[in-house]
C-alpha atoms as a PDB file:
ATOM      1  CA  MET A   1       7.535  20.279  38.885  1.00  0.00           C
ATOM      2  CA  LYS A   2       7.536  23.591  40.734  1.00  0.00           C
ATOM      3  CA  LEU A   3       4.159  24.781  41.964  1.00  0.00           C
ATOM      4  CA  ILE A   4       2.960  28.034  43.437  1.00  0.00           C
ATOM      5  CA  TYR A   5       2.489  28.187  47.213  1.00  0.00           C
ATOM      6  CA  SER A   6       0.268  31.202  47.827  1.00  0.00           C
ATOM      7  CA  ARG A   7       0.201  32.929  51.227  1.00  0.00           C
ATOM      8  CA  CYS A   8       3.251  30.874  52.119  1.00  0.00           C
ATOM      9  CA  LEU A   9       4.050  29.694  55.642  1.00  0.00           C
ATOM     10  CA  ALA A  10       7.637  30.788  55.004  1.00  0.00           C
ATOM     11  CA  LEU A  11       6.441  34.386  54.944  1.00  0.00           C
ATOM     12  CA  SER A  12       5.254  34.204  58.537  1.00  0.00           C
ATOM     13  CA  VAL A  13       8.533  32.617  59.619  1.00  0.00           C
ATOM     14  CA  LEU A  14      10.749  35.164  57.872  1.00  0.00           C
ATOM     15  CA  ALA A  15       8.742  38.049  59.286  1.00  0.00           C
ATOM     16  CA  LEU A  16       8.895  36.625  62.778  1.00  0.00           C
ATOM     17  CA  ALA A  17      12.591  36.001  62.228  1.00  0.00           C
ATOM     18  CA  LEU A  18      13.156  39.682  62.894  1.00  0.00           C
ATOM     19  CA  VAL A  19      11.694  39.412  66.402  1.00  0.00           C
ATOM     20  CA  ALA A  20      14.121  39.046  69.300  1.00  0.00           C
ATOM     21  CA  SER A  21      13.556  38.854  73.040  1.00  0.00           C
ATOM     22  CA  THR A  22      14.385  41.979  75.040  1.00  0.00           C
ATOM     23  CA  ALA A  23      13.717  40.579  78.514  1.00  0.00           C
ATOM     24  CA  GLU A  24      17.257  41.355  79.716  1.00  0.00           C
ATOM     25  CA  ALA A  25      18.109  44.191  77.314  1.00  0.00           C
ATOM     26  CA  ARG A  26      18.058  47.924  77.983  1.00  0.00           C
ATOM     27  CA  THR A  27      18.761  48.770  74.365  1.00  0.00           C
ATOM     28  CA  VAL A  28      15.611  48.415  72.279  1.00  0.00           C
ATOM     29  CA  CYS A  29      17.346  47.566  69.021  1.00  0.00           C
ATOM     30  CA  THR A  30      20.796  47.528  67.455  1.00  0.00           C
ATOM     31  CA  ALA A  31      20.954  46.965  63.687  1.00  0.00           C
ATOM     32  CA  VAL A  32      23.912  47.147  61.317  1.00  0.00           C
ATOM     33  CA  ALA A  33      23.546  46.656  57.548  1.00  0.00           C
ATOM     34  CA  ASP A  34      25.912  46.581  54.585  1.00  0.00           C
ATOM     35  CA  ALA A  35      24.897  49.726  52.683  1.00  0.00           C
ATOM     36  CA  ALA A  36      25.910  48.259  49.332  1.00  0.00           C
ATOM     37  CA  THR A  37      23.752  45.150  49.622  1.00  0.00           C
ATOM     38  CA  ASP A  38      21.243  46.010  52.386  1.00  0.00           C
ATOM     39  CA  ASN A  39      22.232  42.756  54.096  1.00  0.00           C
ATOM     40  CA  LEU A  40      21.682  42.923  57.834  1.00  0.00           C
ATOM     41  CA  VAL A  41      24.947  41.919  59.509  1.00  0.00           C
ATOM     42  CA  VAL A  42      24.013  42.658  63.138  1.00  0.00           C
ATOM     43  CA  GLN A  43      20.596  42.595  64.753  1.00  0.00           C
ATOM     44  CA  GLN A  44      20.102  42.740  68.496  1.00  0.00           C
ATOM     45  CA  GLY A  45      16.975  43.520  70.466  1.00  0.00           C
ATOM     46  CA  ASP A  46      13.417  44.149  69.331  1.00  0.00           C
ATOM     47  CA  CYS A  47      13.852  45.293  65.713  1.00  0.00           C
ATOM     48  CA  GLY A  48      11.067  43.345  64.042  1.00  0.00           C
ATOM     49  CA  PHE A  49       7.796  44.229  62.389  1.00  0.00           C
ATOM     50  CA  LEU A  50       5.975  41.425  64.220  1.00  0.00           C
ATOM     51  CA  LYS A  51       6.380  41.458  67.989  1.00  0.00           C
ATOM     52  CA  ASP A  52       4.190  38.553  69.086  1.00  0.00           C
ATOM     53  CA  ALA A  53       0.944  36.738  68.209  1.00  0.00           C
ATOM     54  CA  THR A  54      -1.171  39.870  68.698  1.00  0.00           C
ATOM     55  CA  THR A  55       1.212  42.733  67.895  1.00  0.00           C
ATOM     56  CA  PRO A  56       1.048  44.750  65.754  1.00  0.00           C
ATOM     57  CA  THR A  57      -2.632  45.169  64.939  1.00  0.00           C
ATOM     58  CA  LEU A  58      -2.969  46.959  61.595  1.00  0.00           C
ATOM     59  CA  PRO A  59      -6.156  48.678  60.382  1.00  0.00           C
ATOM     60  CA  PHE A  60      -7.733  47.825  57.046  1.00  0.00           C
ATOM     61  CA  ARG A  61      -7.360  50.752  54.637  1.00  0.00           C
ATOM     62  CA  ALA A  62      -9.055  51.664  51.379  1.00  0.00           C
ATOM     63  CA  GLY A  63      -7.102  50.211  48.468  1.00  0.00           C
ATOM     64  CA  TYR A  64      -5.936  47.092  50.321  1.00  0.00           C
ATOM     65  CA  LEU A  65      -6.798  43.747  48.731  1.00  0.00           C
ATOM     66  CA  ASP A  66     -10.178  42.619  50.059  1.00  0.00           C
ATOM     67  CA  TRP A  67     -11.244  39.718  47.859  1.00  0.00           C
ATOM     68  CA  GLY A  68     -10.959  37.486  50.924  1.00  0.00           C
ATOM     69  CA  GLY A  69     -14.274  38.874  52.155  1.00  0.00           C
ATOM     70  CA  ALA A  70     -15.346  40.468  55.414  1.00  0.00           C
ATOM     71  CA  GLU A  71     -12.565  38.829  57.423  1.00  0.00           C
ATOM     72  CA  TRP A  72     -10.021  40.853  55.450  1.00  0.00           C
ATOM     73  CA  ARG A  73     -11.779  44.170  56.048  1.00  0.00           C
ATOM     74  CA  GLN A  74     -10.996  44.232  59.750  1.00  0.00           C
ATOM     75  CA  PRO A  75      -8.058  45.233  61.950  1.00  0.00           C
ATOM     76  CA  THR A  76      -5.610  42.340  61.715  1.00  0.00           C
ATOM     77  CA  ASP A  77      -2.864  41.026  63.987  1.00  0.00           C
ATOM     78  CA  PRO A  78      -0.415  38.165  63.278  1.00  0.00           C
ATOM     79  CA  SER A  79      -2.822  35.491  64.539  1.00  0.00           C
ATOM     80  CA  ARG A  80      -5.700  36.703  62.339  1.00  0.00           C
ATOM     81  CA  TRP A  81      -3.264  37.132  59.451  1.00  0.00           C
ATOM     82  CA  ILE A  82      -2.394  33.445  59.421  1.00  0.00           C
ATOM     83  CA  LYS A  83      -5.894  32.208  60.330  1.00  0.00           C
ATOM     84  CA  TYR A  84      -7.596  34.080  57.481  1.00  0.00           C
ATOM     85  CA  SER A  85      -4.673  34.339  55.010  1.00  0.00           C
ATOM     86  CA  VAL A  86      -4.946  38.130  54.908  1.00  0.00           C
ATOM     87  CA  VAL A  87      -2.891  39.066  51.856  1.00  0.00           C
ATOM     88  CA  TRP A  88      -2.704  42.811  52.536  1.00  0.00           C
ATOM     89  CA  PHE A  89      -1.094  42.079  55.919  1.00  0.00           C
ATOM     90  CA  SER A  90       1.479  39.883  54.148  1.00  0.00           C
ATOM     91  CA  GLN A  91       2.204  42.796  51.842  1.00  0.00           C
ATOM     92  CA  GLN A  92       2.767  45.125  54.779  1.00  0.00           C
ATOM     93  CA  VAL A  93       5.221  42.611  56.232  1.00  0.00           C
ATOM     94  CA  THR A  94       7.225  42.183  53.025  1.00  0.00           C
ATOM     95  CA  GLN A  95       7.303  45.913  52.325  1.00  0.00           C
ATOM     96  CA  SER A  96       8.651  46.508  55.836  1.00  0.00           C
ATOM     97  CA  LEU A  97      11.473  44.064  55.023  1.00  0.00           C
ATOM     98  CA  GLY A  98      12.380  45.561  51.655  1.00  0.00           C
ATOM     99  CA  GLN A  99      13.364  43.615  48.563  1.00  0.00           C
ATOM    100  CA  ALA A 100      16.949  42.836  49.554  1.00  0.00           C
ATOM    101  CA  ARG A 101      16.104  41.495  53.005  1.00  0.00           C
ATOM    102  CA  PHE A 102      13.079  39.602  51.669  1.00  0.00           C
ATOM    103  CA  GLN A 103      15.402  37.904  49.185  1.00  0.00           C
ATOM    104  CA  GLN A 104      18.009  37.338  51.886  1.00  0.00           C
ATOM    105  CA  TYR A 105      15.632  35.374  54.090  1.00  0.00           C
ATOM    106  CA  VAL A 106      14.071  33.319  51.293  1.00  0.00           C
ATOM    107  CA  THR A 107      17.570  32.417  50.079  1.00  0.00           C
ATOM    108  CA  SER A 108      18.789  31.489  53.558  1.00  0.00           C
ATOM    109  CA  PHE A 109      15.697  29.300  53.971  1.00  0.00           C
ATOM    110  CA  GLN A 110      16.476  27.647  50.583  1.00  0.00           C
ATOM    111  CA  TYR A 111      12.764  28.009  49.940  1.00  0.00           C
ATOM    112  CA  GLY A 112      11.657  26.537  46.596  1.00  0.00           C
ATOM    113  CA  ASN A 113      13.081  28.368  43.592  1.00  0.00           C
ATOM    114  CA  GLN A 114      13.937  31.360  45.841  1.00  0.00           C
ATOM    115  CA  ASP A 115      12.643  33.824  43.242  1.00  0.00           C
ATOM    116  CA  VAL A 116      10.931  36.829  44.834  1.00  0.00           C
ATOM    117  CA  SER A 117      11.191  39.094  41.776  1.00  0.00           C
ATOM    118  CA  GLY A 118       7.438  39.063  41.086  1.00  0.00           C
ATOM    119  CA  ASP A 119       5.767  39.328  37.688  1.00  0.00           C
ATOM    120  CA  PRO A 120       8.213  39.879  34.791  1.00  0.00           C
ATOM    121  CA  GLY A 121       8.882  43.551  34.201  1.00  0.00           C
ATOM    122  CA  LYS A 122       6.475  44.783  36.900  1.00  0.00           C
ATOM    123  CA  HIS A 123       8.883  45.119  39.854  1.00  0.00           C
ATOM    124  CA  ASN A 124       6.179  43.899  42.228  1.00  0.00           C
ATOM    125  CA  GLY A 125       8.029  41.179  44.116  1.00  0.00           C
ATOM    126  CA  LEU A 126       7.279  42.715  47.508  1.00  0.00           C
ATOM    127  CA  THR A 127       3.533  42.544  46.913  1.00  0.00           C
ATOM    128  CA  ARG A 128       3.068  39.674  44.435  1.00  0.00           C
ATOM    129  CA  ALA A 129       5.975  37.204  44.452  1.00  0.00           C
ATOM    130  CA  TRP A 130       4.105  34.532  46.430  1.00  0.00           C
ATOM    131  CA  ILE A 131       0.672  35.140  44.830  1.00  0.00           C
ATOM    132  CA  GLY A 132       0.639  33.079  41.646  1.00  0.00           C
ATOM    133  CA  SER A 133       3.881  34.723  40.594  1.00  0.00           C
ATOM    134  CA  SER A 134       7.624  34.057  40.744  1.00  0.00           C
ATOM    135  CA  LEU A 135       8.025  32.217  44.075  1.00  0.00           C
ATOM    136  CA  LYS A 136       7.350  28.532  43.426  1.00  0.00           C
ATOM    137  CA  ILE A 137       7.798  25.335  45.397  1.00  0.00           C
ATOM    138  CA  SER A 138       6.956  21.648  44.993  1.00  0.00           C
ATOM    139  CA  PRO A 139       5.261  19.515  47.666  1.00  0.00           C
ATOM    140  CA  LEU A 140       8.473  17.607  48.419  1.00  0.00           C
ATOM    141  CA  GLU A 141      10.440  20.850  48.702  1.00  0.00           C
ATOM    142  CA  GLU A 142       7.764  22.109  51.079  1.00  0.00           C
ATOM    143  CA  VAL A 143       8.204  19.019  53.258  1.00  0.00           C
ATOM    144  CA  THR A 144      11.956  19.649  53.353  1.00  0.00           C
ATOM    145  CA  PHE A 145      11.358  23.230  54.452  1.00  0.00           C
ATOM    146  CA  LEU A 146       8.925  22.115  57.160  1.00  0.00           C
ATOM    147  CA  GLU A 147      11.455  19.600  58.485  1.00  0.00           C
ATOM    148  CA  LYS A 148      13.917  22.459  58.965  1.00  0.00           C
ATOM    149  CA  LEU A 149      11.209  24.520  60.617  1.00  0.00           C
ATOM    150  CA  VAL A 150      10.096  21.947  63.184  1.00  0.00           C
ATOM    151  CA  ASN A 151      13.701  20.948  63.922  1.00  0.00           C
ATOM    152  CA  ARG A 152      14.614  24.617  64.418  1.00  0.00           C
ATOM    153  CA  GLN A 153      17.281  24.527  61.729  1.00  0.00           C
ATOM    154  CA  LEU A 154      16.402  27.835  60.059  1.00  0.00           C
ATOM    155  CA  PRO A 155      18.520  30.958  60.682  1.00  0.00           C
ATOM    156  CA  VAL A 156      15.963  32.727  62.903  1.00  0.00           C
ATOM    157  CA  THR A 157      15.594  33.547  66.585  1.00  0.00           C
ATOM    158  CA  PRO A 158      14.105  31.109  69.126  1.00  0.00           C
ATOM    159  CA  HIS A 159      11.282  33.607  69.636  1.00  0.00           C
ATOM    160  CA  ALA A 160      10.484  33.440  65.912  1.00  0.00           C
ATOM    161  CA  PHE A 161      10.081  29.666  66.126  1.00  0.00           C
ATOM    162  CA  ASP A 162       7.913  29.985  69.235  1.00  0.00           C
ATOM    163  CA  MET A 163       5.611  32.595  67.715  1.00  0.00           C
ATOM    164  CA  THR A 164       5.330  30.737  64.406  1.00  0.00           C
ATOM    165  CA  SER A 165       4.248  27.641  66.288  1.00  0.00           C
ATOM    166  CA  GLN A 166       1.724  29.654  68.292  1.00  0.00           C
ATOM    167  CA  ILE A 167       0.005  31.384  65.367  1.00  0.00           C
ATOM    168  CA  THR A 168      -0.126  28.255  63.174  1.00  0.00           C
ATOM    169  CA  GLN A 169      -1.791  25.982  65.753  1.00  0.00           C
ATOM    170  CA  ILE A 170      -5.210  24.977  64.434  1.00  0.00           C
ATOM    171  CA  SER A 171      -6.461  22.034  66.509  1.00  0.00           C
ATOM    172  CA  GLN A 172      -5.686  19.164  68.822  1.00  0.00           C
ATOM    173  CA  LEU A 173      -6.970  15.708  67.982  1.00  0.00           C
ATOM    174  CA  PRO A 174      -8.713  13.644  70.698  1.00  0.00           C
ATOM    175  CA  ASP A 175      -5.731  11.280  70.937  1.00  0.00           C
ATOM    176  CA  GLY A 176      -3.345  14.124  71.717  1.00  0.00           C
ATOM    177  CA  TRP A 177      -1.859  15.090  68.351  1.00  0.00           C
ATOM    178  CA  ASP A 178      -1.245  18.840  68.146  1.00  0.00           C
ATOM    179  CA  ILE A 179      -1.887  20.075  64.591  1.00  0.00           C
ATOM    180  CA  HIS A 180      -0.282  23.151  63.013  1.00  0.00           C
ATOM    181  CA  GLY A 181      -0.904  24.267  59.471  1.00  0.00           C
ATOM    182  CA  LYS A 182      -1.373  26.901  56.797  1.00  0.00           C
ATOM    183  CA  THR A 183      -3.615  26.936  53.731  1.00  0.00           C
ATOM    184  CA  GLY A 184      -2.778  28.453  50.349  1.00  0.00           C
ATOM    185  CA  THR A 185      -4.726  29.091  47.152  1.00  0.00           C
ATOM    186  CA  GLY A 186      -3.331  29.902  43.712  1.00  0.00           C
ATOM    187  CA  PHE A 187      -4.238  29.715  40.032  1.00  0.00           C
ATOM    188  CA  PRO A 188      -2.349  28.741  36.883  1.00  0.00           C
ATOM    189  CA  HIS A 189      -2.069  31.457  34.263  1.00  0.00           C
ATOM    190  CA  GLN A 190      -3.903  31.443  30.940  1.00  0.00           C
ATOM    191  CA  PRO A 191      -2.140  32.557  27.724  1.00  0.00           C
ATOM    192  CA  ASP A 192      -3.396  36.132  28.182  1.00  0.00           C
ATOM    193  CA  GLY A 193      -1.938  36.261  31.704  1.00  0.00           C
ATOM    194  CA  SER A 194      -5.266  36.068  33.540  1.00  0.00           C
ATOM    195  CA  ASP A 195      -5.968  33.511  36.284  1.00  0.00           C
ATOM    196  CA  ASP A 196      -7.442  30.171  35.236  1.00  0.00           C
ATOM    197  CA  LYS A 197     -10.178  30.141  37.886  1.00  0.00           C
ATOM    198  CA  ALA A 198     -11.429  26.705  36.780  1.00  0.00           C
ATOM    199  CA  HIS A 199      -8.203  24.912  37.728  1.00  0.00           C
ATOM    200  CA  GLY A 200      -7.130  26.476  40.989  1.00  0.00           C
ATOM    201  CA  TYR A 201      -4.500  24.951  43.260  1.00  0.00           C
ATOM    202  CA  GLY A 202      -5.174  24.371  46.940  1.00  0.00           C
ATOM    203  CA  TRP A 203      -2.459  23.788  49.537  1.00  0.00           C
ATOM    204  CA  PHE A 204      -2.507  22.668  53.124  1.00  0.00           C
ATOM    205  CA  VAL A 205       0.882  22.279  54.793  1.00  0.00           C
ATOM    206  CA  GLY A 206       2.021  21.887  58.369  1.00  0.00           C
ATOM    207  CA  TRP A 207       2.886  19.360  61.023  1.00  0.00           C
ATOM    208  CA  ALA A 208       1.443  17.065  63.678  1.00  0.00           C
ATOM    209  CA  LYS A 209       3.211  16.697  67.022  1.00  0.00           C
ATOM    210  CA  LYS A 210       2.663  14.331  69.936  1.00  0.00           C
ATOM    211  CA  GLY A 211       5.314  13.766  72.579  1.00  0.00           C
ATOM    212  CA  ASP A 212       8.649  13.229  70.841  1.00  0.00           C
ATOM    213  CA  LYS A 213       7.025  12.380  67.480  1.00  0.00           C
ATOM    214  CA  THR A 214       6.489  14.976  64.739  1.00  0.00           C
ATOM    215  CA  TYR A 215       5.236  14.426  61.207  1.00  0.00           C
ATOM    216  CA  VAL A 216       5.299  17.184  58.590  1.00  0.00           C
ATOM    217  CA  PHE A 217       2.885  17.152  55.660  1.00  0.00           C
ATOM    218  CA  ALA A 218       1.961  18.860  52.400  1.00  0.00           C
ATOM    219  CA  ARG A 219      -1.341  18.340  50.575  1.00  0.00           C
ATOM    220  CA  LEU A 220      -1.859  19.841  47.106  1.00  0.00           C
ATOM    221  CA  ILE A 221      -5.075  19.660  45.104  1.00  0.00           C
ATOM    222  CA  GLN A 222      -6.083  21.076  41.722  1.00  0.00           C
ATOM    223  CA  ASP A 223      -9.679  21.733  40.709  1.00  0.00           C
ATOM    224  CA  GLU A 224     -11.026  20.291  37.476  1.00  0.00           C
ATOM    225  CA  LYS A 225     -13.808  22.867  37.217  1.00  0.00           C
ATOM    226  CA  PRO A 226     -14.903  26.034  39.026  1.00  0.00           C
ATOM    227  CA  GLU A 227     -15.642  25.244  42.670  1.00  0.00           C
ATOM    228  CA  PRO A 228     -17.110  27.347  45.492  1.00  0.00           C
ATOM    229  CA  GLY A 229     -14.780  28.616  48.177  1.00  0.00           C
ATOM    230  CA  ALA A 230     -11.004  28.736  48.375  1.00  0.00           C
ATOM    231  CA  ALA A 231      -9.200  25.610  47.186  1.00  0.00           C
ATOM    232  CA  GLY A 232      -6.820  25.807  50.135  1.00  0.00           C
ATOM    233  CA  LEU A 233      -9.674  25.551  52.629  1.00  0.00           C
ATOM    234  CA  ARG A 234     -11.054  22.532  50.794  1.00  0.00           C
ATOM    235  CA  ALA A 235      -7.598  20.923  50.799  1.00  0.00           C
ATOM    236  CA  ARG A 236      -7.401  21.442  54.563  1.00  0.00           C
ATOM    237  CA  ALA A 237     -10.882  20.038  55.206  1.00  0.00           C
ATOM    238  CA  ALA A 238     -10.196  16.884  53.194  1.00  0.00           C
ATOM    239  CA  PHE A 239      -6.782  16.280  54.716  1.00  0.00           C
ATOM    240  CA  MET A 240      -7.969  16.835  58.269  1.00  0.00           C
ATOM    241  CA  LYS A 241     -10.596  14.124  57.762  1.00  0.00           C
ATOM    242  CA  GLU A 242      -7.882  11.686  56.693  1.00  0.00           C
ATOM    243  CA  LEU A 243      -5.224  12.720  59.200  1.00  0.00           C
ATOM    244  CA  PRO A 244      -6.405  10.785  62.282  1.00  0.00           C
ATOM    245  CA  SER A 245      -6.324   7.466  60.416  1.00  0.00           C
ATOM    246  CA  LEU A 246      -2.963   8.344  58.833  1.00  0.00           C
ATOM    247  CA  LEU A 247      -1.427   9.118  62.204  1.00  0.00           C
ATOM    248  CA  SER A 248      -2.915   5.950  63.660  1.00  0.00           C
ATOM    249  CA  SER A 249      -1.305   3.878  60.917  1.00  0.00           C
ATOM    250  CA  PHE A 250       2.092   5.490  61.538  1.00  0.00           C
ATOM    251  CA  ALA A 251       1.889   4.673  65.241  1.00  0.00           C
ATOM    252  CA  SER A 252       0.894   1.058  64.731  1.00  0.00           C
END
């Protein structure tokens, strides 16, 4: 079964994929695209929307989505974007990519059903595809994607991998495990197209690394009745309580 992964980790990776190191370059950016398809065939230098963990910082503007509360109504950089799942920042990233390049990256990542078209007939893929809409993925598909991510097998720059790892780090366990992760919250649709707020999905996905050992994980929950707070945050809290004992059992 395919399930919605809201505020997807893949989005941060594909955005950071456009970042390249310019330490030895005099040219800021060289980009060549196929005009018929908008596929980028050459990219050299610093051409990306996201530069590093703190650049750019974008201001909150009237009209941006703000149902995430006060944390969304503040200037936001890539680190805050991932920490607080700031949807309007995601939308700025995808709109900077454009539909063709957004599709190009999701396809090259082989991410879930690879459908970034958005809601049927609304042409809103750049702002809605990953928010309870067309882009869907199952937990096992998510694990496969994460394996490619941690093994650096995605078609992105080394800097993109480094920055993704930096902005997704959430904690370090007392026994040395370094934990990276991303939450997600979504809702199934009711017959009239509205969100079924009583049966929300909560995701927590990521990886645990210690020495030469890395485990990737995906936790999905579904509420049985209306619950306070985001389901993704509750999925993370529950999984983090279980994770130390899980890791201990793997090591034994």
